[in-house]
Protein backbone atom coordinates (compact mmCIF):
# COMPACT_ATOMS: atom_id res chain seq x y z
CA MET A 1 21.82 4.17 -22.73
CA ALA A 2 25.33 5.08 -23.98
CA ARG A 3 27.60 3.24 -25.73
CA SER A 4 29.27 0.66 -23.65
CA MET A 5 32.98 0.97 -22.63
CA TRP A 6 33.82 -2.62 -22.05
CA THR A 7 32.17 -5.88 -23.49
CA GLY A 8 33.40 -9.42 -22.34
CA ILE A 9 32.35 -12.05 -19.96
CA ILE A 10 31.97 -12.61 -16.23
CA GLY A 11 33.65 -15.94 -15.50
CA PHE A 12 31.97 -17.43 -12.48
CA GLY A 13 33.38 -21.09 -11.85
CA MET A 14 32.45 -23.05 -15.11
CA VAL A 15 29.92 -20.62 -16.05
CA SER A 16 30.53 -17.61 -18.57
CA ILE A 17 28.15 -15.01 -18.69
CA PRO A 18 28.31 -12.38 -21.87
CA VAL A 19 27.98 -8.60 -20.61
CA ARG A 20 28.71 -5.03 -21.53
CA LEU A 21 29.93 -2.37 -18.87
CA TYR A 22 28.21 1.17 -18.86
CA ALA A 23 29.56 3.87 -16.38
CA ALA A 24 26.96 4.17 -13.72
CA THR A 25 27.76 7.80 -12.54
CA GLU A 26 28.97 11.28 -14.05
CA ASN A 27 30.81 14.25 -12.58
CA LYS A 28 28.02 17.32 -12.52
CA SER A 29 30.50 20.04 -11.45
CA ILE A 30 30.61 23.30 -13.36
CA ALA A 31 33.43 23.30 -15.99
CA PHE A 32 35.65 26.12 -16.51
CA HIS A 33 38.00 27.04 -19.17
CA GLN A 34 41.20 28.98 -19.11
CA ILE A 35 40.98 32.39 -20.54
CA HIS A 36 43.40 35.40 -21.06
CA ASN A 37 42.69 37.87 -18.18
CA LYS A 38 43.31 40.89 -20.65
CA CYS A 39 40.91 40.19 -23.67
CA LYS A 40 38.75 37.40 -21.92
CA ASN A 41 39.26 34.88 -24.89
CA ARG A 42 40.26 31.01 -24.13
CA ILE A 43 43.89 30.49 -24.63
CA LYS A 44 45.18 27.54 -26.94
CA GLU A 45 47.48 24.81 -25.16
CA VAL A 46 50.30 24.18 -27.70
CA ARG A 47 52.01 20.66 -27.72
CA TRP A 48 55.49 21.63 -28.44
CA CYS A 49 58.57 19.70 -28.94
CA PRO A 50 61.62 21.63 -27.32
CA SER A 51 64.22 19.23 -29.09
CA CYS A 52 62.40 19.88 -32.74
CA ASP A 53 61.77 23.43 -31.35
CA ARG A 54 58.17 23.26 -33.39
CA GLU A 55 54.34 22.67 -32.37
CA ILE A 56 53.48 18.88 -32.90
CA SER A 57 50.14 17.15 -33.78
CA TRP A 58 48.36 14.31 -32.18
CA ASP A 59 49.28 11.66 -34.88
CA GLU A 60 53.07 12.17 -33.78
CA ILE A 61 52.28 11.76 -29.71
CA GLU A 62 53.01 8.10 -28.34
CA LYS A 63 53.18 6.94 -24.75
CA GLY A 64 56.43 7.00 -23.29
CA TYR A 65 57.76 5.54 -19.93
CA GLU A 66 60.49 7.58 -18.29
CA TYR A 67 63.03 4.77 -17.01
CA ALA A 68 65.98 7.30 -16.20
CA LYS A 69 66.18 10.83 -15.80
CA GLY A 70 65.57 12.60 -19.07
CA GLN A 71 65.28 8.95 -20.85
CA TYR A 72 62.06 7.47 -22.18
CA VAL A 73 61.02 4.13 -24.02
CA ALA A 74 58.18 4.32 -26.38
CA ILE A 75 55.15 1.92 -25.37
CA SER A 76 52.94 1.42 -28.48
CA ALA A 77 48.89 0.76 -29.01
CA GLU A 78 50.29 -2.39 -30.09
CA ASP A 79 52.18 -3.38 -26.78
CA MET A 80 49.23 -2.24 -24.90
CA GLU A 81 47.04 -4.52 -26.75
CA ASN A 82 49.29 -7.46 -26.36
CA LEU A 83 49.67 -7.46 -22.79
CA PRO A 84 49.23 -11.39 -21.55
CA LEU A 85 45.93 -10.38 -19.25
CA PRO A 86 42.98 -12.83 -19.12
CA SER A 87 41.03 -9.68 -17.39
CA LYS A 88 40.89 -7.77 -20.85
CA GLU A 89 38.10 -9.61 -21.86
CA VAL A 90 37.25 -11.38 -18.50
CA ILE A 91 35.90 -10.40 -15.38
CA SER A 92 37.33 -12.96 -13.13
CA VAL A 93 35.33 -13.96 -9.77
CA SER A 94 37.88 -15.48 -7.47
CA SER A 95 35.91 -15.50 -4.18
CA PHE A 96 33.09 -14.01 -2.37
CA ALA A 97 32.73 -11.72 0.69
CA SER A 98 30.25 -9.72 2.62
CA GLU A 99 30.04 -6.00 1.42
CA SER A 100 30.64 -5.05 5.16
CA GLU A 101 33.99 -6.69 5.61
CA ILE A 102 35.08 -3.94 2.89
CA ASP A 103 35.98 -0.48 4.41
CA PRO A 104 34.56 2.42 2.02
CA ILE A 105 37.92 3.68 1.47
CA TYR A 106 38.87 0.93 -0.77
CA PHE A 107 35.76 1.79 -3.17
CA GLU A 108 36.75 4.03 -6.17
CA LYS A 109 33.92 4.02 -9.33
CA SER A 110 30.80 2.31 -10.13
CA TYR A 111 29.49 0.84 -13.39
CA LEU A 112 26.46 -1.02 -14.44
CA LEU A 113 26.64 -4.43 -16.04
CA GLU A 114 23.97 -5.39 -18.88
CA VAL A 115 23.80 -8.73 -19.94
CA ASP A 116 23.52 -9.86 -23.54
CA GLN A 117 20.12 -11.86 -24.49
CA ALA A 118 22.11 -14.89 -24.57
CA GLY A 119 23.52 -15.07 -20.94
CA ALA A 120 19.99 -13.71 -19.54
CA ARG A 121 19.55 -16.86 -17.55
CA PRO A 122 22.93 -17.51 -15.91
CA PHE A 123 23.11 -13.80 -15.39
CA ALA A 124 19.84 -13.78 -13.32
CA LEU A 125 21.10 -17.05 -11.56
CA PHE A 126 24.15 -15.18 -10.42
CA LEU A 127 22.18 -12.04 -9.39
CA GLN A 128 19.84 -13.77 -7.18
CA ALA A 129 22.44 -16.25 -5.65
CA LEU A 130 24.18 -13.10 -4.77
CA GLN A 131 21.17 -11.39 -3.11
CA GLU A 132 19.86 -14.40 -1.43
CA LYS A 133 23.17 -15.08 0.20
CA GLY A 134 24.12 -11.26 0.76
CA MET A 135 27.33 -11.51 -0.72
CA THR A 136 29.67 -9.64 -3.57
CA GLY A 137 31.88 -11.18 -5.68
CA VAL A 138 35.49 -9.93 -5.63
CA ALA A 139 36.87 -10.04 -9.17
CA THR A 140 39.72 -8.33 -11.29
CA VAL A 141 39.06 -6.80 -14.91
CA ALA A 142 41.40 -4.67 -16.86
CA LEU A 143 40.03 -1.20 -17.60
CA ARG A 144 41.75 1.87 -18.95
CA THR A 145 45.53 0.32 -19.23
CA LYS A 146 44.95 -1.06 -15.75
CA GLU A 147 44.05 -4.16 -14.10
CA ARG A 148 41.43 -3.47 -11.20
CA LEU A 149 40.46 -5.23 -8.31
CA CYS A 150 36.51 -5.06 -7.95
CA LEU A 151 33.32 -6.00 -6.46
CA LEU A 152 30.11 -7.62 -8.30
CA ARG A 153 27.18 -6.44 -6.27
CA PRO A 154 23.47 -6.21 -6.35
CA LEU A 155 21.36 -3.41 -6.45
CA GLY A 156 18.11 -4.19 -6.60
CA ASP A 157 17.64 -5.77 -10.09
CA LEU A 158 20.66 -4.51 -11.13
CA LEU A 159 24.58 -5.72 -11.02
CA ILE A 160 26.90 -3.09 -10.34
CA LEU A 161 30.68 -3.52 -10.67
CA SER A 162 32.67 -1.49 -8.19
CA THR A 163 36.42 -0.56 -8.83
CA LEU A 164 38.46 -0.79 -5.65
CA TYR A 165 41.77 0.61 -4.80
CA TYR A 166 44.75 -1.66 -4.18
CA PRO A 167 46.07 -1.62 -0.63
CA ASP A 168 49.28 0.35 -1.76
CA GLU A 169 47.14 3.05 -3.34
CA ILE A 170 45.64 4.24 -0.01
CA ARG A 171 47.53 6.81 1.54
CA ILE A 172 46.92 5.69 5.38
CA ASP A 173 47.31 2.81 7.33
CA VAL A 174 43.71 1.59 7.57
CA HIS A 175 45.03 -0.88 10.37
CA ASN A 176 46.97 1.62 12.47
CA LYS A 177 47.05 0.23 15.92
CA LYS A 178 49.25 3.53 17.27
CA GLN A 179 46.69 5.80 16.05
CA GLU A 180 43.94 3.66 17.85
CA LYS A 181 45.94 3.93 21.14
CA LYS A 182 46.53 7.46 20.78
CA LEU A 183 42.94 8.09 20.61
CA SER A 184 42.16 5.78 23.47
CA HIS A 185 44.29 8.12 25.70
CA THR A 186 41.98 11.09 24.80
CA LYS A 187 40.15 11.62 28.35
CA LEU A 188 36.24 12.19 27.59
CA SER A 189 33.66 12.55 30.30
CA LYS A 190 30.63 10.18 30.80
CA GLN A 191 28.37 13.15 30.41
CA GLU A 192 29.85 14.20 26.89
CA LEU A 193 29.44 10.97 25.92
CA ASP A 194 26.05 10.49 26.89
CA MET A 195 25.05 13.35 25.32
CA ALA A 196 26.85 12.53 22.09
CA ARG A 197 25.15 9.23 21.91
CA SER A 198 21.76 10.44 22.49
CA LEU A 199 22.18 13.02 19.47
CA ILE A 200 23.34 10.13 17.27
CA ASP A 201 20.13 8.48 18.48
CA MET A 202 17.84 11.51 17.86
CA MET A 203 19.22 12.12 14.44
CA THR A 204 19.54 8.47 13.10
CA LYS A 205 17.36 7.85 10.14
CA PRO A 206 17.24 5.96 6.80
CA PHE A 207 19.69 7.38 4.51
CA ASP A 208 17.91 9.00 1.47
CA PRO A 209 20.66 10.58 -0.84
CA THR A 210 17.48 12.69 -2.82
CA GLU A 211 17.73 14.69 0.63
CA TYR A 212 21.02 16.15 -0.34
CA THR A 213 22.22 18.48 -3.24
CA ASP A 214 25.39 20.17 -4.10
CA HIS A 215 25.07 23.51 -2.76
CA TYR A 216 28.50 24.65 -3.72
CA ARG A 217 27.28 23.96 -7.38
CA GLU A 218 24.03 26.03 -6.93
CA ALA A 219 25.83 28.92 -5.34
CA LEU A 220 28.42 28.87 -8.05
CA ALA A 221 25.65 28.84 -10.73
CA GLN A 222 23.94 31.90 -9.23
CA VAL A 223 27.25 33.67 -9.12
CA ILE A 224 27.68 32.47 -12.96
CA GLU A 225 24.15 33.98 -13.72
CA GLY A 226 24.79 37.17 -11.87
CA LYS A 227 27.87 38.05 -13.59
CA THR A 228 26.05 37.02 -16.99
CA GLU A 229 23.48 39.40 -16.25
CA GLY A 230 25.92 42.22 -15.09
CA LEU A 231 25.02 41.75 -11.58
CA PRO A 232 27.32 42.26 -8.68
CA THR A 233 27.95 38.86 -6.65
CA ALA A 234 27.22 38.81 -2.90
CA GLU A 235 29.97 38.79 -0.56
CA ARG A 236 30.67 35.70 1.15
CA PRO A 237 30.00 35.77 5.12
CA LYS A 238 32.71 35.99 7.23
CA SER A 239 33.65 33.63 9.97
CA SER A 240 33.19 34.70 13.34
CA GLY A 241 36.37 32.87 14.58
CA LYS A 242 34.56 32.07 17.90
CA VAL A 243 35.54 28.70 19.67
CA VAL A 244 32.44 26.60 20.69
CA ASP A 245 32.70 24.38 23.87
CA LEU A 246 31.88 20.90 23.15
CA MET A 247 29.43 20.40 25.86
CA ASP A 248 27.43 23.41 24.44
CA ALA A 249 27.67 22.54 21.35
CA LEU A 250 26.24 18.92 21.98
CA LYS A 251 23.44 20.49 23.95
CA ALA A 252 22.56 23.20 21.15
CA SER A 253 22.65 20.10 18.56
CA ILE A 254 20.19 18.00 20.94
CA VAL A 255 17.78 20.79 21.00
CA GLN A 256 17.98 21.53 17.71
CA ALA A 257 17.34 17.61 16.87
CA LYS A 258 14.63 17.56 18.96
CA GLY A 259 12.71 20.34 16.81
CA LYS A 260 13.14 17.91 13.59
CA PRO A 261 11.35 14.76 12.60
CA LYS A 262 13.24 11.98 11.52
CA THR A 263 11.39 11.65 8.08
CA ALA A 264 12.81 14.25 5.74
CA ARG A 265 11.02 17.13 5.04
CA LYS A 266 10.08 18.70 1.56
CA THR A 267 12.24 21.74 1.24
CA THR A 268 10.99 24.50 -0.92
CA LYS A 269 13.21 26.41 -3.29
CA ALA A 270 13.93 29.69 -2.29
CA LYS A 271 12.56 32.56 -4.42
CA LYS A 272 14.94 34.29 -6.68
CA PRO A 273 16.04 37.56 -5.68
CA ALA A 274 14.55 40.18 -7.97
CA THR A 275 16.89 41.55 -10.44
CA ARG A 276 17.41 45.21 -11.17
CA ARG A 277 15.28 44.80 -14.49
CA SER A 278 12.45 43.06 -12.72
CA ALA A 279 12.35 45.75 -10.03
CA ALA A 280 12.28 48.39 -12.38
CA LYS A 281 9.46 46.96 -14.19
CA THR A 282 7.32 46.53 -10.93
CA LYS A 283 7.87 50.04 -9.94
CA LYS A 284 6.77 51.25 -13.33
CA ALA A 285 3.58 49.18 -13.25
CA THR A 286 2.95 50.56 -9.99
CA SER A 287 3.57 53.90 -10.68
CA ARG A 288 1.01 53.39 -14.01
CA LYS A 289 -1.64 51.71 -11.34
CA ARG A 290 -1.44 55.12 -9.24
CA GLY A 291 -1.97 57.33 -12.32
CA ALA A 292 -4.95 55.63 -13.73
CA ALA A 293 -6.70 55.88 -10.49
């Protein structure tokens, strides 16, 4: 496993559980570099001080807070280290709640907590108690220059720490009564609602994340592969722009759903289209066979 990004303890009442924190997820997006459109070489980003009129190195850079327009106060690494926060080394559990009470909009990132051997017994006790009660621990922890609200939740035999956004970081009002009132005035027919409910019933099945893949990434990878082989890329399909009637769409969706089983089907990978080189080789081989005949 990769190097731990945080080491400390879980504070659970009078119990202390020594743990290490690891990233539980990773971004699989295809990375790009900025290149010059003339020579196709990667550009260099220069750290430039306009006051000193010269390039500066990383060891000359420090954090600065803009307290007034164009005026900054320096915050050193020592200042950050000496912040009076108990959560720098302790995941302090303050309460327990059911995960169903927390709207998914609050969830930010997930991390894996691994226990040190010395804390194996209290860790197992804490994990099993959460599992049996069906609860999560609400806590705080200081990570990367910020004290974060978080949940400690069991995932099988693992303990996951999920960081949460604070209420003032959510851009929408989750409890907006005006929006609810506005939607309640939208007129929907009983037939439309019945068909929508039927469609939901037919498409309901256990969630299996392995059924889903990043089609955008796959398509982008094909474009890149085509370009590296000097092949033209496929044109993007154009939208018809046709507005579909709600009832027609629901009927079509129900017909489509009836033809699909609730269990996931194994999808076979589509055959890769033949490149110009492979097509030429096939043509050459065919002509040799004819000549031999």
